[in-house]
Amino acid sequence: MSGTSDGLVEEIRRVAKLAMLELNEDEMKHIGTQFKNILDQLQKLSELDTKDINPFSLEDMEPMPWRKDEVVAWNRYSEVLSQAPVSEEGYFKVPRIVEGDHDEK
């Protein structure tokens, strides 16, 4: 992948593996380019002179009012589950993503 360092490519591969994503070389190149652009923009931001900028410029804003934390009954579980492609015994049923020998329940 031209334009991206070997370390960045390896990091993309590592994260893709952790996320269980299968990326082809074009996708890796595209993600690498986007990531490099983000890092370049962050570098530009770090070069800005911010010595005269108050890091706590939000101090002058009105504080948000506190509200009482109240328990509210919510019983729309059936409605929510009806939107799921598959549910079982009151739970969402999703495809297994963890490989290995695990007992089915």
PDB file of N, CA and C in Angstrom:
ATOM      1  N   MET A   1       0.837  -1.179   0.000  1.00  0.00           N
ATOM      2  CA  MET A   1       0.000   0.000   0.000  1.00  0.00           C
ATOM      3  C   MET A   1       0.875   1.234   0.000  1.00  0.00           C
ATOM      4  N   SER A   2       0.894   1.913  -1.111  1.00  0.00           N
ATOM      5  CA  SER A   2       1.696   3.119  -1.171  1.00  0.00           C
ATOM      6  C   SER A   2       1.003   4.219  -0.388  1.00  0.00           C
ATOM      7  N   GLY A   3       1.794   5.090   0.249  1.00  0.00           N
ATOM      8  CA  GLY A   3       1.230   6.201   0.984  1.00  0.00           C
ATOM      9  C   GLY A   3       0.928   5.887   2.439  1.00  0.00           C
ATOM     10  N   THR A   4       1.022   4.633   2.840  1.00  0.00           N
ATOM     11  CA  THR A   4       0.796   4.287   4.235  1.00  0.00           C
ATOM     12  C   THR A   4       1.990   3.500   4.731  1.00  0.00           C
ATOM     13  N   SER A   5       2.315   3.685   6.001  1.00  0.00           N
ATOM     14  CA  SER A   5       3.466   2.991   6.559  1.00  0.00           C
ATOM     15  C   SER A   5       3.103   1.551   6.891  1.00  0.00           C
ATOM     16  N   ASP A   6       4.137   0.705   6.973  1.00  0.00           N
ATOM     17  CA  ASP A   6       3.906  -0.700   7.310  1.00  0.00           C
ATOM     18  C   ASP A   6       3.248  -0.837   8.676  1.00  0.00           C
ATOM     19  N   GLY A   7       3.636   0.033   9.620  1.00  0.00           N
ATOM     20  CA  GLY A   7       3.040  -0.018  10.958  1.00  0.00           C
ATOM     21  C   GLY A   7       1.552   0.266  10.930  1.00  0.00           C
ATOM     22  N   LEU A   8       1.155   1.221  10.088  1.00  0.00           N
ATOM     23  CA  LEU A   8      -0.264   1.564   9.969  1.00  0.00           C
ATOM     24  C   LEU A   8      -1.040   0.413   9.339  1.00  0.00           C
ATOM     25  N   VAL A   9      -0.462  -0.201   8.328  1.00  0.00           N
ATOM     26  CA  VAL A   9      -1.110  -1.339   7.668  1.00  0.00           C
ATOM     27  C   VAL A   9      -1.308  -2.476   8.663  1.00  0.00           C
ATOM     28  N   GLU A  10      -0.290  -2.754   9.443  1.00  0.00           N
ATOM     29  CA  GLU A  10      -0.399  -3.826  10.437  1.00  0.00           C
ATOM     30  C   GLU A  10      -1.447  -3.491  11.492  1.00  0.00           C
ATOM     31  N   GLU A  11      -1.530  -2.224  11.879  1.00  0.00           N
ATOM     32  CA  GLU A  11      -2.534  -1.815  12.867  1.00  0.00           C
ATOM     33  C   GLU A  11      -3.943  -1.975  12.303  1.00  0.00           C
ATOM     34  N   ILE A  12      -4.128  -1.624  11.037  1.00  0.00           N
ATOM     35  CA  ILE A  12      -5.433  -1.801  10.391  1.00  0.00           C
ATOM     36  C   ILE A  12      -5.790  -3.283  10.346  1.00  0.00           C
ATOM     37  N   ARG A  13      -4.832  -4.122  10.005  1.00  0.00           N
ATOM     38  CA  ARG A  13      -5.077  -5.577   9.985  1.00  0.00           C
ATOM     39  C   ARG A  13      -5.461  -6.092  11.371  1.00  0.00           C
ATOM     40  N   ARG A  14      -4.743  -5.603  12.394  1.00  0.00           N
ATOM     41  CA  ARG A  14      -4.994  -6.046  13.766  1.00  0.00           C
ATOM     42  C   ARG A  14      -6.404  -5.650  14.213  1.00  0.00           C
ATOM     43  N   VAL A  15      -6.778  -4.398  13.953  1.00  0.00           N
ATOM     44  CA  VAL A  15      -8.104  -3.926  14.357  1.00  0.00           C
ATOM     45  C   VAL A  15      -9.193  -4.647  13.567  1.00  0.00           C
ATOM     46  N   ALA A  16      -8.956  -4.861  12.287  1.00  0.00           N
ATOM     47  CA  ALA A  16      -9.934  -5.582  11.460  1.00  0.00           C
ATOM     48  C   ALA A  16     -10.136  -6.999  11.995  1.00  0.00           C
ATOM     49  N   LYS A  17      -9.054  -7.636  12.404  1.00  0.00           N
ATOM     50  CA  LYS A  17      -9.166  -8.992  12.946  1.00  0.00           C
ATOM     51  C   LYS A  17      -9.950  -8.984  14.255  1.00  0.00           C
ATOM     52  N   LEU A  18      -9.663  -8.010  15.132  1.00  0.00           N
ATOM     53  CA  LEU A  18     -10.394  -7.913  16.395  1.00  0.00           C
ATOM     54  C   LEU A  18     -11.884  -7.671  16.161  1.00  0.00           C
ATOM     55  N   ALA A  19     -12.192  -6.881  15.139  1.00  0.00           N
ATOM     56  CA  ALA A  19     -13.586  -6.571  14.817  1.00  0.00           C
ATOM     57  C   ALA A  19     -14.215  -7.642  13.936  1.00  0.00           C
ATOM     58  N   MET A  20     -13.440  -8.658  13.626  1.00  0.00           N
ATOM     59  CA  MET A  20     -13.880  -9.764  12.771  1.00  0.00           C
ATOM     60  C   MET A  20     -14.357  -9.256  11.415  1.00  0.00           C
ATOM     61  N   LEU A  21     -13.571  -8.335  10.836  1.00  0.00           N
ATOM     62  CA  LEU A  21     -13.863  -7.791   9.513  1.00  0.00           C
ATOM     63  C   LEU A  21     -12.929  -8.419   8.499  1.00  0.00           C
ATOM     64  N   GLU A  22     -13.458  -8.761   7.364  1.00  0.00           N
ATOM     65  CA  GLU A  22     -12.637  -9.260   6.271  1.00  0.00           C
ATOM     66  C   GLU A  22     -12.472  -8.119   5.277  1.00  0.00           C
ATOM     67  N   LEU A  23     -11.250  -7.600   5.159  1.00  0.00           N
ATOM     68  CA  LEU A  23     -10.976  -6.478   4.269  1.00  0.00           C
ATOM     69  C   LEU A  23     -10.066  -6.930   3.142  1.00  0.00           C
ATOM     70  N   ASN A  24     -10.410  -6.546   1.912  1.00  0.00           N
ATOM     71  CA  ASN A  24      -9.513  -6.843   0.801  1.00  0.00           C
ATOM     72  C   ASN A  24      -8.468  -5.729   0.704  1.00  0.00           C
ATOM     73  N   GLU A  25      -7.526  -5.872  -0.203  1.00  0.00           N
ATOM     74  CA  GLU A  25      -6.427  -4.909  -0.307  1.00  0.00           C
ATOM     75  C   GLU A  25      -6.915  -3.501  -0.644  1.00  0.00           C
ATOM     76  N   ASP A  26      -7.931  -3.385  -1.517  1.00  0.00           N
ATOM     77  CA  ASP A  26      -8.462  -2.059  -1.857  1.00  0.00           C
ATOM     78  C   ASP A  26      -9.088  -1.390  -0.636  1.00  0.00           C
ATOM     79  N   GLU A  27      -9.818  -2.159   0.155  1.00  0.00           N
ATOM     80  CA  GLU A  27     -10.429  -1.610   1.366  1.00  0.00           C
ATOM     81  C   GLU A  27      -9.361  -1.203   2.373  1.00  0.00           C
ATOM     82  N   MET A  28      -8.322  -2.028   2.492  1.00  0.00           N
ATOM     83  CA  MET A  28      -7.216  -1.688   3.396  1.00  0.00           C
ATOM     84  C   MET A  28      -6.552  -0.387   2.953  1.00  0.00           C
ATOM     85  N   LYS A  29      -6.344  -0.247   1.647  1.00  0.00           N
ATOM     86  CA  LYS A  29      -5.712   0.958   1.108  1.00  0.00           C
ATOM     87  C   LYS A  29      -6.587   2.180   1.387  1.00  0.00           C
ATOM     88  N   HIS A  30      -7.891   2.041   1.165  1.00  0.00           N
ATOM     89  CA  HIS A  30      -8.826   3.145   1.386  1.00  0.00           C
ATOM     90  C   HIS A  30      -8.836   3.567   2.860  1.00  0.00           C
ATOM     91  N   ILE A  31      -8.936   2.602   3.759  1.00  0.00           N
ATOM     92  CA  ILE A  31      -8.943   2.897   5.192  1.00  0.00           C
ATOM     93  C   ILE A  31      -7.611   3.508   5.614  1.00  0.00           C
ATOM     94  N   GLY A  32      -6.509   2.969   5.091  1.00  0.00           N
ATOM     95  CA  GLY A  32      -5.189   3.508   5.415  1.00  0.00           C
ATOM     96  C   GLY A  32      -5.057   4.957   4.987  1.00  0.00           C
ATOM     97  N   THR A  33      -5.545   5.283   3.794  1.00  0.00           N
ATOM     98  CA  THR A  33      -5.489   6.658   3.300  1.00  0.00           C
ATOM     99  C   THR A  33      -6.340   7.573   4.174  1.00  0.00           C
ATOM    100  N   GLN A  34      -7.538   7.128   4.519  1.00  0.00           N
ATOM    101  CA  GLN A  34      -8.408   7.937   5.376  1.00  0.00           C
ATOM    102  C   GLN A  34      -7.773   8.157   6.746  1.00  0.00           C
ATOM    103  N   PHE A  35      -7.204   7.112   7.307  1.00  0.00           N
ATOM    104  CA  PHE A  35      -6.582   7.217   8.622  1.00  0.00           C
ATOM    105  C   PHE A  35      -5.391   8.164   8.580  1.00  0.00           C
ATOM    106  N   LYS A  36      -4.589   8.069   7.525  1.00  0.00           N
ATOM    107  CA  LYS A  36      -3.441   8.967   7.373  1.00  0.00           C
ATOM    108  C   LYS A  36      -3.905  10.413   7.259  1.00  0.00           C
ATOM    109  N   ASN A  37      -4.990  10.658   6.520  1.00  0.00           N
ATOM    110  CA  ASN A  37      -5.529  12.013   6.403  1.00  0.00           C
ATOM    111  C   ASN A  37      -5.986  12.553   7.757  1.00  0.00           C
ATOM    112  N   ILE A  38      -6.604  11.702   8.557  1.00  0.00           N
ATOM    113  CA  ILE A  38      -7.036  12.114   9.895  1.00  0.00           C
ATOM    114  C   ILE A  38      -5.832  12.476  10.748  1.00  0.00           C
ATOM    115  N   LEU A  39      -4.800  11.640  10.709  1.00  0.00           N
ATOM    116  CA  LEU A  39      -3.596  11.916  11.489  1.00  0.00           C
ATOM    117  C   LEU A  39      -2.918  13.201  11.028  1.00  0.00           C
ATOM    118  N   ASP A  40      -2.917  13.455   9.710  1.00  0.00           N
ATOM    119  CA  ASP A  40      -2.346  14.700   9.189  1.00  0.00           C
ATOM    120  C   ASP A  40      -3.117  15.910   9.712  1.00  0.00           C
ATOM    121  N   GLN A  41      -4.444  15.815   9.757  1.00  0.00           N
ATOM    122  CA  GLN A  41      -5.260  16.921  10.271  1.00  0.00           C
ATOM    123  C   GLN A  41      -4.995  17.145  11.761  1.00  0.00           C
ATOM    124  N   LEU A  42      -4.844  16.072  12.515  1.00  0.00           N
ATOM    125  CA  LEU A  42      -4.528  16.206  13.935  1.00  0.00           C
ATOM    126  C   LEU A  42      -3.166  16.855  14.130  1.00  0.00           C
ATOM    127  N   GLN A  43      -2.218  16.525  13.268  1.00  0.00           N
ATOM    128  CA  GLN A  43      -0.895  17.139  13.341  1.00  0.00           C
ATOM    129  C   GLN A  43      -0.998  18.642  13.108  1.00  0.00           C
ATOM    130  N   LYS A  44      -1.802  19.054  12.124  1.00  0.00           N
ATOM    131  CA  LYS A  44      -1.994  20.483  11.859  1.00  0.00           C
ATOM    132  C   LYS A  44      -2.598  21.182  13.073  1.00  0.00           C
ATOM    133  N   LEU A  45      -3.566  20.536  13.721  1.00  0.00           N
ATOM    134  CA  LEU A  45      -4.174  21.131  14.910  1.00  0.00           C
ATOM    135  C   LEU A  45      -3.163  21.283  16.038  1.00  0.00           C
ATOM    136  N   SER A  46      -2.277  20.307  16.175  1.00  0.00           N
ATOM    137  CA  SER A  46      -1.294  20.371  17.257  1.00  0.00           C
ATOM    138  C   SER A  46      -0.262  21.469  17.026  1.00  0.00           C
ATOM    139  N   GLU A  47      -0.149  21.957  15.794  1.00  0.00           N
ATOM    140  CA  GLU A  47       0.801  23.021  15.480  1.00  0.00           C
ATOM    141  C   GLU A  47       0.228  24.416  15.729  1.00  0.00           C
ATOM    142  N   LEU A  48      -1.066  24.519  16.009  1.00  0.00           N
ATOM    143  CA  LEU A  48      -1.689  25.821  16.240  1.00  0.00           C
ATOM    144  C   LEU A  48      -1.212  26.427  17.552  1.00  0.00           C
ATOM    145  N   ASP A  49      -1.054  27.755  17.551  1.00  0.00           N
ATOM    146  CA  ASP A  49      -0.670  28.477  18.761  1.00  0.00           C
ATOM    147  C   ASP A  49      -1.932  28.723  19.582  1.00  0.00           C
ATOM    148  N   THR A  50      -2.049  28.040  20.691  1.00  0.00           N
ATOM    149  CA  THR A  50      -3.244  28.162  21.527  1.00  0.00           C
ATOM    150  C   THR A  50      -2.933  28.751  22.897  1.00  0.00           C
ATOM    151  N   LYS A  51      -1.769  29.400  23.038  1.00  0.00           N
ATOM    152  CA  LYS A  51      -1.374  29.887  24.363  1.00  0.00           C
ATOM    153  C   LYS A  51      -2.327  30.943  24.913  1.00  0.00           C
ATOM    154  N   ASP A  52      -2.985  31.718  24.045  1.00  0.00           N
ATOM    155  CA  ASP A  52      -3.897  32.762  24.509  1.00  0.00           C
ATOM    156  C   ASP A  52      -5.359  32.314  24.527  1.00  0.00           C
ATOM    157  N   ILE A  53      -5.597  31.040  24.334  1.00  0.00           N
ATOM    158  CA  ILE A  53      -6.964  30.530  24.325  1.00  0.00           C
ATOM    159  C   ILE A  53      -7.239  29.825  25.644  1.00  0.00           C
ATOM    160  N   ASN A  54      -8.312  30.246  26.295  1.00  0.00           N
ATOM    161  CA  ASN A  54      -8.699  29.646  27.561  1.00  0.00           C
ATOM    162  C   ASN A  54      -9.258  28.244  27.295  1.00  0.00           C
ATOM    163  N   PRO A  55      -8.623  27.214  27.846  1.00  0.00           N
ATOM    164  CA  PRO A  55      -9.113  25.859  27.590  1.00  0.00           C
ATOM    165  C   PRO A  55     -10.481  25.602  28.223  1.00  0.00           C
ATOM    166  N   PHE A  56     -10.876  26.472  29.133  1.00  0.00           N
ATOM    167  CA  PHE A  56     -12.161  26.308  29.809  1.00  0.00           C
ATOM    168  C   PHE A  56     -13.135  27.394  29.371  1.00  0.00           C
ATOM    169  N   SER A  57     -13.220  27.623  28.071  1.00  0.00           N
ATOM    170  CA  SER A  57     -14.057  28.703  27.557  1.00  0.00           C
ATOM    171  C   SER A  57     -15.542  28.452  27.778  1.00  0.00           C
ATOM    172  N   LEU A  58     -15.912  27.265  28.175  1.00  0.00           N
ATOM    173  CA  LEU A  58     -17.314  26.966  28.438  1.00  0.00           C
ATOM    174  C   LEU A  58     -17.716  27.316  29.870  1.00  0.00           C
ATOM    175  N   GLU A  59     -16.761  27.847  30.650  1.00  0.00           N
ATOM    176  CA  GLU A  59     -17.040  28.192  32.041  1.00  0.00           C
ATOM    177  C   GLU A  59     -18.181  29.190  32.171  1.00  0.00           C
ATOM    178  N   ASP A  60     -18.292  30.098  31.220  1.00  0.00           N
ATOM    179  CA  ASP A  60     -19.262  31.179  31.317  1.00  0.00           C
ATOM    180  C   ASP A  60     -20.674  30.757  30.937  1.00  0.00           C
ATOM    181  N   MET A  61     -20.829  29.564  30.460  1.00  0.00           N
ATOM    182  CA  MET A  61     -22.158  29.098  30.071  1.00  0.00           C
ATOM    183  C   MET A  61     -23.006  28.810  31.303  1.00  0.00           C
ATOM    184  N   GLU A  62     -24.306  28.974  31.129  1.00  0.00           N
ATOM    185  CA  GLU A  62     -25.242  28.645  32.201  1.00  0.00           C
ATOM    186  C   GLU A  62     -25.183  27.141  32.460  1.00  0.00           C
ATOM    187  N   PRO A  63     -25.163  26.741  33.716  1.00  0.00           N
ATOM    188  CA  PRO A  63     -25.165  25.297  33.984  1.00  0.00           C
ATOM    189  C   PRO A  63     -26.514  24.686  33.620  1.00  0.00           C
ATOM    190  N   MET A  64     -26.465  23.462  33.233  1.00  0.00           N
ATOM    191  CA  MET A  64     -27.700  22.748  32.922  1.00  0.00           C
ATOM    192  C   MET A  64     -28.437  22.480  34.234  1.00  0.00           C
ATOM    193  N   PRO A  65     -29.748  22.664  34.229  1.00  0.00           N
ATOM    194  CA  PRO A  65     -30.490  22.431  35.481  1.00  0.00           C
ATOM    195  C   PRO A  65     -30.519  20.941  35.828  1.00  0.00           C
ATOM    196  N   TRP A  66     -30.431  20.658  37.107  1.00  0.00           N
ATOM    197  CA  TRP A  66     -30.525  19.290  37.573  1.00  0.00           C
ATOM    198  C   TRP A  66     -31.981  18.863  37.530  1.00  0.00           C
ATOM    199  N   ARG A  67     -32.203  17.627  37.282  1.00  0.00           N
ATOM    200  CA  ARG A  67     -33.563  17.112  37.344  1.00  0.00           C
ATOM    201  C   ARG A  67     -33.556  15.884  38.245  1.00  0.00           C
ATOM    202  N   LYS A  68     -34.688  15.652  38.824  1.00  0.00           N
ATOM    203  CA  LYS A  68     -34.815  14.515  39.718  1.00  0.00           C
ATOM    204  C   LYS A  68     -34.752  13.226  38.903  1.00  0.00           C
ATOM    205  N   ASP A  69     -33.990  12.273  39.396  1.00  0.00           N
ATOM    206  CA  ASP A  69     -33.875  10.973  38.741  1.00  0.00           C
ATOM    207  C   ASP A  69     -35.044  10.117  39.204  1.00  0.00           C
ATOM    208  N   GLU A  70     -35.959   9.862  38.293  1.00  0.00           N
ATOM    209  CA  GLU A  70     -37.150   9.115  38.656  1.00  0.00           C
ATOM    210  C   GLU A  70     -37.240   7.825  37.852  1.00  0.00           C
ATOM    211  N   VAL A  71     -37.639   6.770  38.517  1.00  0.00           N
ATOM    212  CA  VAL A  71     -37.860   5.492  37.852  1.00  0.00           C
ATOM    213  C   VAL A  71     -39.193   5.569  37.121  1.00  0.00           C
ATOM    214  N   VAL A  72     -39.175   5.202  35.847  1.00  0.00           N
ATOM    215  CA  VAL A  72     -40.389   5.226  35.043  1.00  0.00           C
ATOM    216  C   VAL A  72     -40.653   3.812  34.546  1.00  0.00           C
ATOM    217  N   ALA A  73     -41.849   3.343  34.754  1.00  0.00           N
ATOM    218  CA  ALA A  73     -42.200   2.000  34.283  1.00  0.00           C
ATOM    219  C   ALA A  73     -42.191   1.987  32.755  1.00  0.00           C
ATOM    220  N   TRP A  74     -41.589   0.959  32.212  1.00  0.00           N
ATOM    221  CA  TRP A  74     -41.505   0.834  30.755  1.00  0.00           C
ATOM    222  C   TRP A  74     -41.775  -0.613  30.402  1.00  0.00           C
ATOM    223  N   ASN A  75     -42.840  -0.850  29.694  1.00  0.00           N
ATOM    224  CA  ASN A  75     -43.198  -2.242  29.415  1.00  0.00           C
ATOM    225  C   ASN A  75     -43.515  -2.442  27.939  1.00  0.00           C
ATOM    226  N   ARG A  76     -42.630  -1.958  27.102  1.00  0.00           N
ATOM    227  CA  ARG A  76     -42.833  -2.101  25.662  1.00  0.00           C
ATOM    228  C   ARG A  76     -41.877  -3.141  25.075  1.00  0.00           C
ATOM    229  N   TYR A  77     -41.481  -4.097  25.893  1.00  0.00           N
ATOM    230  CA  TYR A  77     -40.533  -5.116  25.451  1.00  0.00           C
ATOM    231  C   TYR A  77     -41.044  -5.887  24.238  1.00  0.00           C
ATOM    232  N   SER A  78     -42.308  -6.264  24.274  1.00  0.00           N
ATOM    233  CA  SER A  78     -42.880  -7.028  23.156  1.00  0.00           C
ATOM    234  C   SER A  78     -42.828  -6.224  21.871  1.00  0.00           C
ATOM    235  N   GLU A  79     -43.109  -4.939  21.987  1.00  0.00           N
ATOM    236  CA  GLU A  79     -43.071  -4.071  20.804  1.00  0.00           C
ATOM    237  C   GLU A  79     -41.656  -3.997  20.224  1.00  0.00           C
ATOM    238  N   VAL A  80     -40.674  -3.866  21.095  1.00  0.00           N
ATOM    239  CA  VAL A  80     -39.283  -3.796  20.641  1.00  0.00           C
ATOM    240  C   VAL A  80     -38.861  -5.130  20.038  1.00  0.00           C
ATOM    241  N   LEU A  81     -39.153  -6.220  20.714  1.00  0.00           N
ATOM    242  CA  LEU A  81     -38.776  -7.541  20.203  1.00  0.00           C
ATOM    243  C   LEU A  81     -39.454  -7.855  18.880  1.00  0.00           C
ATOM    244  N   SER A  82     -40.633  -7.303  18.660  1.00  0.00           N
ATOM    245  CA  SER A  82     -41.330  -7.569  17.397  1.00  0.00           C
ATOM    246  C   SER A  82     -40.597  -6.951  16.209  1.00  0.00           C
ATOM    247  N   GLN A  83     -39.722  -5.997  16.477  1.00  0.00           N
ATOM    248  CA  GLN A  83     -38.949  -5.360  15.411  1.00  0.00           C
ATOM    249  C   GLN A  83     -37.695  -6.163  15.054  1.00  0.00           C
ATOM    250  N   ALA A  84     -37.312  -7.097  15.916  1.00  0.00           N
ATOM    251  CA  ALA A  84     -36.099  -7.888  15.690  1.00  0.00           C
ATOM    252  C   ALA A  84     -36.361  -8.959  14.640  1.00  0.00           C
ATOM    253  N   PRO A  85     -35.353  -9.253  13.805  1.00  0.00           N
ATOM    254  CA  PRO A  85     -35.519 -10.328  12.828  1.00  0.00           C
ATOM    255  C   PRO A  85     -35.792 -11.669  13.499  1.00  0.00           C
ATOM    256  N   VAL A  86     -35.110 -11.920  14.639  1.00  0.00           N
ATOM    257  CA  VAL A  86     -35.296 -13.186  15.351  1.00  0.00           C
ATOM    258  C   VAL A  86     -35.232 -12.906  16.851  1.00  0.00           C
ATOM    259  N   SER A  87     -36.167 -13.454  17.594  1.00  0.00           N
ATOM    260  CA  SER A  87     -36.114 -13.379  19.054  1.00  0.00           C
ATOM    261  C   SER A  87     -36.511 -14.741  19.609  1.00  0.00           C
ATOM    262  N   GLU A  88     -36.090 -14.975  20.853  1.00  0.00           N
ATOM    263  CA  GLU A  88     -36.387 -16.267  21.476  1.00  0.00           C
ATOM    264  C   GLU A  88     -36.501 -16.071  22.979  1.00  0.00           C
ATOM    265  N   GLU A  89     -37.579 -16.515  23.555  1.00  0.00           N
ATOM    266  CA  GLU A  89     -37.811 -16.463  25.001  1.00  0.00           C
ATOM    267  C   GLU A  89     -37.609 -15.060  25.572  1.00  0.00           C
ATOM    268  N   GLY A  90     -38.058 -14.046  24.837  1.00  0.00           N
ATOM    269  CA  GLY A  90     -37.977 -12.677  25.333  1.00  0.00           C
ATOM    270  C   GLY A  90     -36.637 -11.996  25.134  1.00  0.00           C
ATOM    271  N   TYR A  91     -35.751 -12.565  24.338  1.00  0.00           N
ATOM    272  CA  TYR A  91     -34.432 -11.987  24.081  1.00  0.00           C
ATOM    273  C   TYR A  91     -34.200 -11.877  22.580  1.00  0.00           C
ATOM    274  N   PHE A  92     -33.328 -10.945  22.195  1.00  0.00           N
ATOM    275  CA  PHE A  92     -32.897 -10.872  20.804  1.00  0.00           C
ATOM    276  C   PHE A  92     -32.017 -12.075  20.526  1.00  0.00           C
ATOM    277  N   LYS A  93     -32.188 -12.696  19.383  1.00  0.00           N
ATOM    278  CA  LYS A  93     -31.323 -13.809  18.998  1.00  0.00           C
ATOM    279  C   LYS A  93     -30.450 -13.316  17.851  1.00  0.00           C
ATOM    280  N   VAL A  94     -29.145 -13.409  18.049  1.00  0.00           N
ATOM    281  CA  VAL A  94     -28.189 -12.911  17.055  1.00  0.00           C
ATOM    282  C   VAL A  94     -27.253 -14.033  16.643  1.00  0.00           C
ATOM    283  N   PRO A  95     -26.627 -13.920  15.478  1.00  0.00           N
ATOM    284  CA  PRO A  95     -25.684 -14.957  15.055  1.00  0.00           C
ATOM    285  C   PRO A  95     -24.483 -15.025  15.996  1.00  0.00           C
ATOM    286  N   ARG A  96     -23.970 -16.228  16.167  1.00  0.00           N
ATOM    287  CA  ARG A  96     -22.767 -16.407  16.981  1.00  0.00           C
ATOM    288  C   ARG A  96     -21.593 -15.729  16.282  1.00  0.00           C
ATOM    289  N   ILE A  97     -20.823 -14.951  17.047  1.00  0.00           N
ATOM    290  CA  ILE A  97     -19.645 -14.309  16.469  1.00  0.00           C
ATOM    291  C   ILE A  97     -18.359 -14.772  17.130  1.00  0.00           C
ATOM    292  N   VAL A  98     -18.479 -15.474  18.248  1.00  0.00           N
ATOM    293  CA  VAL A  98     -17.309 -15.974  18.952  1.00  0.00           C
ATOM    294  C   VAL A  98     -17.125 -17.429  18.564  1.00  0.00           C
ATOM    295  N   GLU A  99     -15.932 -17.732  18.078  1.00  0.00           N
ATOM    296  CA  GLU A  99     -15.653 -19.103  17.678  1.00  0.00           C
ATOM    297  C   GLU A  99     -15.186 -19.907  18.877  1.00  0.00           C
ATOM    298  N   GLY A 100     -15.418 -21.197  18.840  1.00  0.00           N
ATOM    299  CA  GLY A 100     -14.933 -22.059  19.898  1.00  0.00           C
ATOM    300  C   GLY A 100     -15.981 -23.076  20.291  1.00  0.00           C
ATOM    301  N   ASP A 101     -15.609 -23.932  21.231  1.00  0.00           N
ATOM    302  CA  ASP A 101     -16.521 -24.966  21.712  1.00  0.00           C
ATOM    303  C   ASP A 101     -17.266 -24.438  22.928  1.00  0.00           C
ATOM    304  N   HIS A 102     -18.478 -23.978  22.699  1.00  0.00           N
ATOM    305  CA  HIS A 102     -19.315 -23.473  23.779  1.00  0.00           C
ATOM    306  C   HIS A 102     -20.624 -24.234  23.754  1.00  0.00           C
ATOM    307  N   ASP A 103     -21.138 -24.511  24.935  1.00  0.00           N
ATOM    308  CA  ASP A 103     -22.421 -25.213  25.022  1.00  0.00           C
ATOM    309  C   ASP A 103     -23.536 -24.297  24.553  1.00  0.00           C
ATOM    310  N   GLU A 104     -24.431 -24.846  23.761  1.00  0.00           N
ATOM    311  CA  GLU A 104     -25.629 -24.112  23.336  1.00  0.00           C
ATOM    312  C   GLU A 104     -26.631 -24.143  24.476  1.00  0.00           C
ATOM    313  N   LYS A 105     -27.345 -23.069  24.678  1.00  0.00           N
ATOM    314  CA  LYS A 105     -28.401 -23.033  25.693  1.00  0.00           C
ATOM    315  C   LYS A 105     -29.713 -22.909  25.018  1.00  0.00           C
TER     316      LYS A 105
END
